[in-house]
Every structure is written in structure tokens, then in C-alpha cells.
Amino acid sequence: MPDFPAIQHVALTVSDLERSVPWYRGLFGGDPVLDEDTGPFRHVVFLVGGTLVGLHQFSDADPGTDFDEHRLGLDHLAFGCATRAELETWQAHLESLGIAHGGIIDASYGSGLSFRDPDNLPLEFFAPPG
């Protein structure tokens, strides 16, 4: 079997790009690398480390259903941190942006800092133990 490749991109469906793009711009600390209307959807894409994170807004989306990680599909998206101290830096960054979070939670398998985007999509910063 060949080596499994790294994740190249992630696409998140959002309800309102006008609300989500500034929120993610603040979180990522930079501007999108792409803003394109494809017809069926518009997407705005950020380059985060070596991974593209796209925000998609579909013209025919069903806005009546909020995201729920208890349904089949995505549970959360986690961004890797090297150390717990790096998590503390991200916690301060979230607080400077006014983004609510659950605080750093330590476990035997690592430490995580969970928060949600404007559409309630669960995001996390995660560091290995040690």
C-alpha cells in the first residue's frame, strides 16, 4: 500500500458567506486565496498551513436544519498544535476575537480547545500529550 496522502482540503457548508468570511478571516489571520461563484455554489477558500479550508454557500441550501454532530457526517474539524502552550496562545486569540470556547480540556491522549463557528460547526485546536 502507498503512503496515505495528507489532507489537501476541507470544505464546510455555511449559511451566509457575508457573515462567515470575516469570522474565518479573523480566526485564520489572513485573506482568502480564492472567491469563486461556480453556479451551484459560491466558495471562499483560505490556505491554512498546507491545507485549503473552503467555505461553501449553496443557493438551494436548506437553512431550516442546524448542524448537529450527532447525525451522520462530520463530527468536528481539528487544527493541530505542537504543545499545550500553543493551545494557550490560541485560547487567548479566540478571546481577543470574542469567540466563545470550552476552555482547554486535558486528557490522556492530548489536550483540546473546542469552539464553534457562526453556523455552530464544531472546531478544535488539539495538541498531543506531553
C-alpha atoms as a PDB file:
ATOM      1  CA  MET A   1       0.000   0.000   0.000  1.00  0.00           C
ATOM      2  CA  PRO A   2       1.334   3.501  -0.778  1.00  0.00           C
ATOM      3  CA  ASP A   3       1.778   6.088   1.983  1.00  0.00           C
ATOM      4  CA  PHE A   4      -1.560   7.695   2.724  1.00  0.00           C
ATOM      5  CA  PRO A   5      -1.562  11.317   1.490  1.00  0.00           C
ATOM      6  CA  ALA A   6      -2.098  14.358   3.702  1.00  0.00           C
ATOM      7  CA  ILE A   7      -5.467  16.101   3.748  1.00  0.00           C
ATOM      8  CA  GLN A   8      -5.335  18.634   0.922  1.00  0.00           C
ATOM      9  CA  HIS A   9      -8.580  20.499   1.537  1.00  0.00           C
ATOM     10  CA  VAL A  10     -11.714  20.592   3.642  1.00  0.00           C
ATOM     11  CA  ALA A  11     -14.977  22.193   2.539  1.00  0.00           C
ATOM     12  CA  LEU A  12     -17.515  23.449   5.064  1.00  0.00           C
ATOM     13  CA  THR A  13     -21.042  24.424   4.059  1.00  0.00           C
ATOM     14  CA  VAL A  14     -22.121  27.693   5.672  1.00  0.00           C
ATOM     15  CA  SER A  15     -25.420  29.555   5.587  1.00  0.00           C
ATOM     16  CA  ASP A  16     -24.079  33.070   4.971  1.00  0.00           C
ATOM     17  CA  LEU A  17     -20.655  33.811   3.479  1.00  0.00           C
ATOM     18  CA  GLU A  18     -21.039  37.504   4.307  1.00  0.00           C
ATOM     19  CA  ARG A  19     -21.084  36.510   7.992  1.00  0.00           C
ATOM     20  CA  SER A  20     -18.668  33.568   7.873  1.00  0.00           C
ATOM     21  CA  VAL A  21     -15.841  35.010   5.763  1.00  0.00           C
ATOM     22  CA  PRO A  22     -14.970  37.830   8.217  1.00  0.00           C
ATOM     23  CA  TRP A  23     -15.210  35.375  11.129  1.00  0.00           C
ATOM     24  CA  TYR A  24     -12.796  32.910   9.498  1.00  0.00           C
ATOM     25  CA  ARG A  25     -10.559  35.762   8.292  1.00  0.00           C
ATOM     26  CA  GLY A  26     -10.147  36.771  11.945  1.00  0.00           C
ATOM     27  CA  LEU A  27      -9.591  33.198  13.073  1.00  0.00           C
ATOM     28  CA  PHE A  28      -7.012  32.409  10.371  1.00  0.00           C
ATOM     29  CA  GLY A  29      -5.416  35.850  10.405  1.00  0.00           C
ATOM     30  CA  GLY A  30      -5.386  36.228   6.642  1.00  0.00           C
ATOM     31  CA  ASP A  31      -7.369  36.772   3.488  1.00  0.00           C
ATOM     32  CA  PRO A  32      -8.886  34.066   1.297  1.00  0.00           C
ATOM     33  CA  VAL A  33      -6.875  32.791  -1.671  1.00  0.00           C
ATOM     34  CA  LEU A  34     -10.000  32.188  -3.778  1.00  0.00           C
ATOM     35  CA  ASP A  35     -13.524  33.592  -4.000  1.00  0.00           C
ATOM     36  CA  GLU A  36     -15.486  31.986  -6.812  1.00  0.00           C
ATOM     37  CA  ASP A  37     -19.105  31.541  -7.814  1.00  0.00           C
ATOM     38  CA  THR A  38     -19.356  28.165  -9.537  1.00  0.00           C
ATOM     39  CA  GLY A  39     -23.067  28.411 -10.306  1.00  0.00           C
ATOM     40  CA  PRO A  40     -24.435  25.784  -7.917  1.00  0.00           C
ATOM     41  CA  PHE A  41     -22.437  27.279  -5.038  1.00  0.00           C
ATOM     42  CA  ARG A  42     -20.073  30.083  -4.146  1.00  0.00           C
ATOM     43  CA  HIS A  43     -16.911  29.192  -2.306  1.00  0.00           C
ATOM     44  CA  VAL A  44     -14.315  31.202  -0.479  1.00  0.00           C
ATOM     45  CA  VAL A  45     -11.081  29.360   0.280  1.00  0.00           C
ATOM     46  CA  PHE A  46      -8.346  30.027   2.830  1.00  0.00           C
ATOM     47  CA  LEU A  47      -4.874  28.474   2.880  1.00  0.00           C
ATOM     48  CA  VAL A  48      -4.201  27.247   6.431  1.00  0.00           C
ATOM     49  CA  GLY A  49      -0.753  25.727   6.811  1.00  0.00           C
ATOM     50  CA  GLY A  50      -0.625  23.445   3.788  1.00  0.00           C
ATOM     51  CA  THR A  51      -4.365  22.759   3.743  1.00  0.00           C
ATOM     52  CA  LEU A  52      -7.109  24.604   1.911  1.00  0.00           C
ATOM     53  CA  VAL A  53     -10.211  25.311   4.011  1.00  0.00           C
ATOM     54  CA  GLY A  54     -13.177  26.183   1.832  1.00  0.00           C
ATOM     55  CA  LEU A  55     -16.450  27.765   2.846  1.00  0.00           C
ATOM     56  CA  HIS A  56     -19.322  26.830   0.531  1.00  0.00           C
ATOM     57  CA  GLN A  57     -22.698  28.518   0.291  1.00  0.00           C
ATOM     58  CA  PHE A  58     -25.284  26.758  -1.870  1.00  0.00           C
ATOM     59  CA  SER A  59     -28.097  28.727  -3.498  1.00  0.00           C
ATOM     60  CA  ASP A  60     -30.531  25.856  -2.870  1.00  0.00           C
ATOM     61  CA  ALA A  61     -29.440  25.083   0.717  1.00  0.00           C
ATOM     62  CA  ASP A  62     -31.964  24.022   3.346  1.00  0.00           C
ATOM     63  CA  PRO A  63     -31.494  26.701   6.035  1.00  0.00           C
ATOM     64  CA  GLY A  64     -34.056  25.105   8.354  1.00  0.00           C
ATOM     65  CA  THR A  65     -31.708  22.487   9.781  1.00  0.00           C
ATOM     66  CA  ASP A  66     -28.941  23.466  12.185  1.00  0.00           C
ATOM     67  CA  PHE A  67     -25.716  21.491  12.253  1.00  0.00           C
ATOM     68  CA  ASP A  68     -25.695  18.609  14.722  1.00  0.00           C
ATOM     69  CA  GLU A  69     -22.626  16.433  15.178  1.00  0.00           C
ATOM     70  CA  HIS A  70     -24.863  13.643  16.483  1.00  0.00           C
ATOM     71  CA  ARG A  71     -26.142  12.992  12.951  1.00  0.00           C
ATOM     72  CA  LEU A  72     -24.130  11.028  10.421  1.00  0.00           C
ATOM     73  CA  GLY A  73     -21.342  13.025   8.835  1.00  0.00           C
ATOM     74  CA  LEU A  74     -18.846  15.494  10.222  1.00  0.00           C
ATOM     75  CA  ASP A  75     -18.232  15.477  13.971  1.00  0.00           C
ATOM     76  CA  HIS A  76     -15.654  18.282  14.123  1.00  0.00           C
ATOM     77  CA  LEU A  77     -12.593  19.746  12.419  1.00  0.00           C
ATOM     78  CA  ALA A  78      -9.417  19.914  14.489  1.00  0.00           C
ATOM     79  CA  PHE A  79      -6.303  22.004  13.862  1.00  0.00           C
ATOM     80  CA  GLY A  80      -3.047  20.518  15.172  1.00  0.00           C
ATOM     81  CA  CYS A  81      -0.906  22.309  17.715  1.00  0.00           C
ATOM     82  CA  ALA A  82       2.550  21.164  18.754  1.00  0.00           C
ATOM     83  CA  THR A  83       2.168  21.792  22.502  1.00  0.00           C
ATOM     84  CA  ARG A  84      -0.313  22.667  25.205  1.00  0.00           C
ATOM     85  CA  ALA A  85       1.393  26.073  25.465  1.00  0.00           C
ATOM     86  CA  GLU A  86       0.422  26.682  21.829  1.00  0.00           C
ATOM     87  CA  LEU A  87      -3.179  25.886  22.805  1.00  0.00           C
ATOM     88  CA  GLU A  88      -2.979  28.603  25.450  1.00  0.00           C
ATOM     89  CA  THR A  89      -1.892  31.074  22.755  1.00  0.00           C
ATOM     90  CA  TRP A  90      -4.867  30.065  20.606  1.00  0.00           C
ATOM     91  CA  GLN A  91      -7.190  30.397  23.586  1.00  0.00           C
ATOM     92  CA  ALA A  92      -6.008  33.998  24.037  1.00  0.00           C
ATOM     93  CA  HIS A  93      -6.509  34.613  20.289  1.00  0.00           C
ATOM     94  CA  LEU A  94     -10.083  33.290  20.432  1.00  0.00           C
ATOM     95  CA  GLU A  95     -10.791  35.511  23.419  1.00  0.00           C
ATOM     96  CA  SER A  96      -9.340  38.552  21.625  1.00  0.00           C
ATOM     97  CA  LEU A  97     -11.818  37.870  18.795  1.00  0.00           C
ATOM     98  CA  GLY A  98     -14.729  37.394  21.206  1.00  0.00           C
ATOM     99  CA  ILE A  99     -15.134  33.738  20.204  1.00  0.00           C
ATOM    100  CA  ALA A 100     -16.643  31.583  22.946  1.00  0.00           C
ATOM    101  CA  HIS A 101     -14.848  28.330  23.720  1.00  0.00           C
ATOM    102  CA  GLY A 102     -14.941  25.471  26.195  1.00  0.00           C
ATOM    103  CA  GLY A 103     -11.506  26.062  27.707  1.00  0.00           C
ATOM    104  CA  ILE A 104      -8.579  23.707  27.361  1.00  0.00           C
ATOM    105  CA  ILE A 105      -9.512  20.160  28.288  1.00  0.00           C
ATOM    106  CA  ASP A 106      -6.678  17.768  29.144  1.00  0.00           C
ATOM    107  CA  ALA A 107      -6.965  14.022  28.604  1.00  0.00           C
ATOM    108  CA  SER A 108      -4.541  11.123  28.459  1.00  0.00           C
ATOM    109  CA  TYR A 109      -4.490  11.276  24.636  1.00  0.00           C
ATOM    110  CA  GLY A 110      -3.894  15.059  24.422  1.00  0.00           C
ATOM    111  CA  SER A 111      -5.412  18.454  25.087  1.00  0.00           C
ATOM    112  CA  GLY A 112      -8.153  20.188  23.151  1.00  0.00           C
ATOM    113  CA  LEU A 113      -9.726  23.619  22.892  1.00  0.00           C
ATOM    114  CA  SER A 114     -13.209  23.463  21.358  1.00  0.00           C
ATOM    115  CA  PHE A 115     -15.241  26.299  19.839  1.00  0.00           C
ATOM    116  CA  ARG A 116     -17.899  26.810  17.151  1.00  0.00           C
ATOM    117  CA  ASP A 117     -18.246  28.931  14.055  1.00  0.00           C
ATOM    118  CA  PRO A 118     -21.259  31.184  13.311  1.00  0.00           C
ATOM    119  CA  ASP A 119     -23.186  28.178  11.906  1.00  0.00           C
ATOM    120  CA  ASN A 120     -22.451  26.093  15.012  1.00  0.00           C
ATOM    121  CA  LEU A 121     -19.863  23.943  13.193  1.00  0.00           C
ATOM    122  CA  PRO A 122     -17.575  22.441  15.841  1.00  0.00           C
ATOM    123  CA  LEU A 123     -13.903  23.327  15.556  1.00  0.00           C
ATOM    124  CA  GLU A 124     -10.980  22.480  17.802  1.00  0.00           C
ATOM    125  CA  PHE A 125      -7.308  23.129  18.403  1.00  0.00           C
ATOM    126  CA  PHE A 126      -5.618  19.926  19.574  1.00  0.00           C
ATOM    127  CA  ALA A 127      -2.170  19.116  20.973  1.00  0.00           C
ATOM    128  CA  PRO A 128      -0.689  15.680  21.733  1.00  0.00           C
ATOM    129  CA  PRO A 129       0.106  14.757  25.348  1.00  0.00           C
ATOM    130  CA  GLY A 130       3.323  15.914  26.900  1.00  0.00           C
END
